[in-house]
Amino acid sequence: MRNVFKKDGERSGFTISETTKGFKIETWSVYSDEPNRTYYINYTDYFQPGFNGWQQAINEHGTTYADLLLRDIREGYIKPYRTITE
């Protein structure tokens, strides 16, 4: 497993790691209404093995590909094959 991107804030953050099947996304938050979760997803048409553009902004608001991946998982556009909630 290769750690490819980490975003830490004061109250929340996430880490994206590459696995043999896809990506592992670990989220954490200090807020009680937002539990820590780990998502496992397969590679997609866009997020292929070796993808390294996580920090690249995709719009004028500063949204990155890492933010887009996490949003797409949370909104159901990308379905994880495994989700762990702590």
N, C-alpha and C. Protein backbone atom coordinates (compact mmCIF):
# COMPACT_ATOMS: atom_id res chain seq x y z
N MET A 1 0.86 -1.17 0.00
CA MET A 1 0.00 0.00 0.00
C MET A 1 0.90 1.23 0.00
N ARG A 2 0.58 2.17 -0.85
CA ARG A 2 1.38 3.37 -1.00
C ARG A 2 0.54 4.58 -0.61
N ASN A 3 1.03 5.36 0.35
CA ASN A 3 0.36 6.57 0.79
C ASN A 3 0.59 7.65 -0.27
N VAL A 4 -0.47 8.11 -0.92
CA VAL A 4 -0.29 9.03 -2.04
C VAL A 4 -0.72 10.47 -1.75
N PHE A 5 -1.57 10.70 -0.76
CA PHE A 5 -2.02 12.06 -0.48
C PHE A 5 -2.55 12.14 0.95
N LYS A 6 -2.25 13.25 1.61
CA LYS A 6 -2.76 13.47 2.97
C LYS A 6 -3.17 14.92 3.09
N LYS A 7 -4.38 15.14 3.61
CA LYS A 7 -4.88 16.50 3.84
C LYS A 7 -5.34 16.58 5.29
N ASP A 8 -4.66 17.41 6.07
CA ASP A 8 -4.99 17.57 7.48
C ASP A 8 -5.41 19.00 7.76
N GLY A 9 -6.51 19.13 8.46
CA GLY A 9 -6.95 20.43 8.95
C GLY A 9 -6.94 20.39 10.47
N GLU A 10 -7.41 21.44 11.09
CA GLU A 10 -7.45 21.47 12.55
C GLU A 10 -8.51 20.53 13.10
N ARG A 11 -9.60 20.34 12.37
CA ARG A 11 -10.71 19.54 12.90
C ARG A 11 -11.09 18.33 12.04
N SER A 12 -10.53 18.21 10.87
CA SER A 12 -10.83 17.05 10.02
C SER A 12 -9.74 16.88 8.97
N GLY A 13 -9.77 15.72 8.33
CA GLY A 13 -8.79 15.45 7.29
C GLY A 13 -9.00 14.09 6.69
N PHE A 14 -8.15 13.74 5.74
CA PHE A 14 -8.23 12.42 5.13
C PHE A 14 -6.89 12.05 4.52
N THR A 15 -6.71 10.74 4.34
CA THR A 15 -5.52 10.18 3.71
C THR A 15 -5.96 9.26 2.59
N ILE A 16 -5.32 9.36 1.45
CA ILE A 16 -5.60 8.48 0.32
C ILE A 16 -4.38 7.60 0.11
N SER A 17 -4.59 6.30 0.10
CA SER A 17 -3.52 5.34 -0.15
C SER A 17 -3.90 4.48 -1.34
N GLU A 18 -2.90 4.09 -2.12
CA GLU A 18 -3.16 3.23 -3.27
C GLU A 18 -2.96 1.78 -2.85
N THR A 19 -3.91 0.92 -3.20
CA THR A 19 -3.83 -0.51 -2.91
C THR A 19 -3.70 -1.27 -4.22
N THR A 20 -3.67 -2.58 -4.14
CA THR A 20 -3.56 -3.37 -5.37
C THR A 20 -4.84 -3.33 -6.19
N LYS A 21 -5.99 -3.10 -5.55
CA LYS A 21 -7.28 -3.07 -6.25
C LYS A 21 -7.79 -1.67 -6.56
N GLY A 22 -7.27 -0.67 -5.86
CA GLY A 22 -7.80 0.67 -6.03
C GLY A 22 -7.22 1.62 -4.99
N PHE A 23 -8.11 2.31 -4.29
CA PHE A 23 -7.68 3.29 -3.30
C PHE A 23 -8.38 3.07 -1.97
N LYS A 24 -7.66 3.40 -0.89
CA LYS A 24 -8.19 3.38 0.47
C LYS A 24 -8.23 4.84 0.92
N ILE A 25 -9.40 5.30 1.35
CA ILE A 25 -9.56 6.68 1.79
C ILE A 25 -9.96 6.65 3.26
N GLU A 26 -9.10 7.17 4.12
CA GLU A 26 -9.37 7.21 5.56
C GLU A 26 -9.72 8.65 5.94
N THR A 27 -10.90 8.84 6.53
CA THR A 27 -11.32 10.18 6.95
C THR A 27 -11.36 10.25 8.47
N TRP A 28 -11.12 11.43 9.01
CA TRP A 28 -11.23 11.64 10.45
C TRP A 28 -11.81 13.02 10.70
N SER A 29 -12.48 13.13 11.85
CA SER A 29 -13.10 14.39 12.23
C SER A 29 -13.25 14.43 13.75
N VAL A 30 -13.18 15.62 14.32
CA VAL A 30 -13.39 15.76 15.76
C VAL A 30 -14.87 15.95 16.08
N TYR A 31 -15.70 16.14 15.06
CA TYR A 31 -17.12 16.35 15.28
C TYR A 31 -17.84 15.02 15.50
N SER A 32 -18.74 14.99 16.48
CA SER A 32 -19.43 13.74 16.81
C SER A 32 -20.45 13.34 15.76
N ASP A 33 -20.96 14.28 14.97
CA ASP A 33 -21.95 13.94 13.94
C ASP A 33 -21.30 13.51 12.62
N GLU A 34 -19.98 13.48 12.58
CA GLU A 34 -19.26 13.06 11.38
C GLU A 34 -18.26 11.97 11.78
N PRO A 35 -18.69 10.70 11.76
CA PRO A 35 -17.81 9.62 12.24
C PRO A 35 -16.61 9.40 11.32
N ASN A 36 -15.56 8.84 11.91
CA ASN A 36 -14.38 8.46 11.13
C ASN A 36 -14.76 7.28 10.24
N ARG A 37 -14.36 7.34 8.98
CA ARG A 37 -14.70 6.27 8.04
C ARG A 37 -13.48 5.91 7.20
N THR A 38 -13.46 4.66 6.77
CA THR A 38 -12.47 4.19 5.82
C THR A 38 -13.22 3.59 4.64
N TYR A 39 -12.93 4.10 3.45
CA TYR A 39 -13.58 3.62 2.23
C TYR A 39 -12.54 2.89 1.37
N TYR A 40 -12.95 1.79 0.78
CA TYR A 40 -12.12 1.08 -0.20
C TYR A 40 -12.85 1.12 -1.53
N ILE A 41 -12.20 1.66 -2.56
CA ILE A 41 -12.83 1.74 -3.88
C ILE A 41 -11.91 1.08 -4.91
N ASN A 42 -12.52 0.56 -5.96
CA ASN A 42 -11.75 0.04 -7.09
C ASN A 42 -11.26 1.22 -7.92
N TYR A 43 -10.26 0.96 -8.76
CA TYR A 43 -9.85 1.98 -9.71
C TYR A 43 -11.05 2.35 -10.58
N THR A 44 -11.11 3.59 -11.01
CA THR A 44 -12.20 4.05 -11.88
C THR A 44 -11.60 4.45 -13.23
N ASP A 45 -12.46 4.84 -14.15
CA ASP A 45 -11.97 5.31 -15.45
C ASP A 45 -11.06 6.52 -15.28
N TYR A 46 -11.36 7.35 -14.30
CA TYR A 46 -10.57 8.56 -14.11
C TYR A 46 -9.42 8.37 -13.13
N PHE A 47 -9.66 7.69 -12.03
CA PHE A 47 -8.64 7.48 -11.00
C PHE A 47 -7.99 6.12 -11.24
N GLN A 48 -6.96 6.12 -12.08
CA GLN A 48 -6.26 4.91 -12.52
C GLN A 48 -5.05 4.64 -11.62
N PRO A 49 -4.45 3.44 -11.72
CA PRO A 49 -3.23 3.15 -10.96
C PRO A 49 -2.15 4.20 -11.23
N GLY A 50 -1.51 4.66 -10.17
CA GLY A 50 -0.45 5.64 -10.29
C GLY A 50 -0.91 7.08 -10.42
N PHE A 51 -2.23 7.34 -10.29
CA PHE A 51 -2.73 8.72 -10.38
C PHE A 51 -2.03 9.57 -9.34
N ASN A 52 -1.51 10.73 -9.74
CA ASN A 52 -0.80 11.58 -8.79
C ASN A 52 -1.20 13.05 -8.88
N GLY A 53 -2.37 13.34 -9.42
CA GLY A 53 -2.82 14.73 -9.53
C GLY A 53 -3.72 15.17 -8.40
N TRP A 54 -3.59 14.57 -7.23
CA TRP A 54 -4.51 14.83 -6.12
C TRP A 54 -4.57 16.29 -5.71
N GLN A 55 -3.45 17.00 -5.76
CA GLN A 55 -3.41 18.39 -5.30
C GLN A 55 -3.80 19.39 -6.38
N GLN A 56 -4.00 18.95 -7.59
CA GLN A 56 -4.32 19.84 -8.70
C GLN A 56 -5.73 20.40 -8.54
N ALA A 57 -5.84 21.73 -8.62
CA ALA A 57 -7.15 22.39 -8.52
C ALA A 57 -7.93 22.17 -9.81
N ILE A 58 -9.23 21.91 -9.68
CA ILE A 58 -10.05 21.66 -10.86
C ILE A 58 -11.02 22.79 -11.16
N ASN A 59 -11.08 23.79 -10.27
CA ASN A 59 -11.96 24.93 -10.53
C ASN A 59 -11.42 26.17 -9.81
N GLU A 60 -12.10 27.28 -9.98
CA GLU A 60 -11.63 28.55 -9.40
C GLU A 60 -11.80 28.61 -7.89
N HIS A 61 -12.53 27.66 -7.30
CA HIS A 61 -12.74 27.64 -5.86
C HIS A 61 -11.66 26.86 -5.12
N GLY A 62 -10.74 26.26 -5.83
CA GLY A 62 -9.65 25.53 -5.20
C GLY A 62 -9.98 24.08 -4.89
N THR A 63 -11.06 23.56 -5.42
CA THR A 63 -11.40 22.15 -5.23
C THR A 63 -10.34 21.30 -5.92
N THR A 64 -9.80 20.32 -5.21
CA THR A 64 -8.78 19.45 -5.78
C THR A 64 -9.38 18.11 -6.18
N TYR A 65 -8.62 17.32 -6.90
CA TYR A 65 -9.09 15.99 -7.27
C TYR A 65 -9.32 15.12 -6.03
N ALA A 66 -8.53 15.32 -4.98
CA ALA A 66 -8.74 14.59 -3.74
C ALA A 66 -10.10 14.95 -3.12
N ASP A 67 -10.42 16.24 -3.09
CA ASP A 67 -11.72 16.69 -2.59
C ASP A 67 -12.86 16.12 -3.44
N LEU A 68 -12.66 16.11 -4.76
CA LEU A 68 -13.66 15.59 -5.68
C LEU A 68 -13.91 14.10 -5.44
N LEU A 69 -12.85 13.33 -5.26
CA LEU A 69 -13.00 11.90 -5.00
C LEU A 69 -13.81 11.66 -3.73
N LEU A 70 -13.47 12.35 -2.66
CA LEU A 70 -14.19 12.17 -1.39
C LEU A 70 -15.65 12.60 -1.53
N ARG A 71 -15.90 13.71 -2.20
CA ARG A 71 -17.28 14.16 -2.41
C ARG A 71 -18.08 13.15 -3.23
N ASP A 72 -17.48 12.63 -4.29
CA ASP A 72 -18.17 11.64 -5.13
C ASP A 72 -18.50 10.37 -4.36
N ILE A 73 -17.64 9.97 -3.44
CA ILE A 73 -17.94 8.79 -2.61
C ILE A 73 -19.09 9.10 -1.67
N ARG A 74 -19.02 10.24 -0.99
CA ARG A 74 -20.06 10.60 -0.02
C ARG A 74 -21.42 10.83 -0.67
N GLU A 75 -21.44 11.30 -1.92
CA GLU A 75 -22.70 11.56 -2.62
C GLU A 75 -23.18 10.36 -3.42
N GLY A 76 -22.43 9.27 -3.41
CA GLY A 76 -22.88 8.04 -4.05
C GLY A 76 -22.53 7.86 -5.51
N TYR A 77 -21.75 8.78 -6.08
CA TYR A 77 -21.35 8.63 -7.48
C TYR A 77 -20.32 7.52 -7.66
N ILE A 78 -19.47 7.33 -6.65
CA ILE A 78 -18.50 6.23 -6.63
C ILE A 78 -18.88 5.33 -5.46
N LYS A 79 -19.11 4.07 -5.75
CA LYS A 79 -19.55 3.12 -4.72
C LYS A 79 -18.34 2.35 -4.16
N PRO A 80 -18.05 2.49 -2.87
CA PRO A 80 -16.98 1.69 -2.27
C PRO A 80 -17.38 0.22 -2.20
N TYR A 81 -16.40 -0.67 -2.35
CA TYR A 81 -16.71 -2.08 -2.16
C TYR A 81 -16.62 -2.47 -0.70
N ARG A 82 -16.09 -1.56 0.13
CA ARG A 82 -16.06 -1.79 1.58
C ARG A 82 -16.00 -0.44 2.28
N THR A 83 -16.79 -0.31 3.36
CA THR A 83 -16.78 0.90 4.18
C THR A 83 -16.71 0.49 5.64
N ILE A 84 -15.80 1.11 6.39
CA ILE A 84 -15.66 0.85 7.82
C ILE A 84 -15.96 2.15 8.55
N THR A 85 -16.89 2.11 9.50
CA THR A 85 -17.23 3.28 10.30
C THR A 85 -16.78 3.04 11.73
N GLU A 86 -16.05 4.00 12.28
CA GLU A 86 -15.57 3.88 13.67
C GLU A 86 -16.49 4.62 14.61
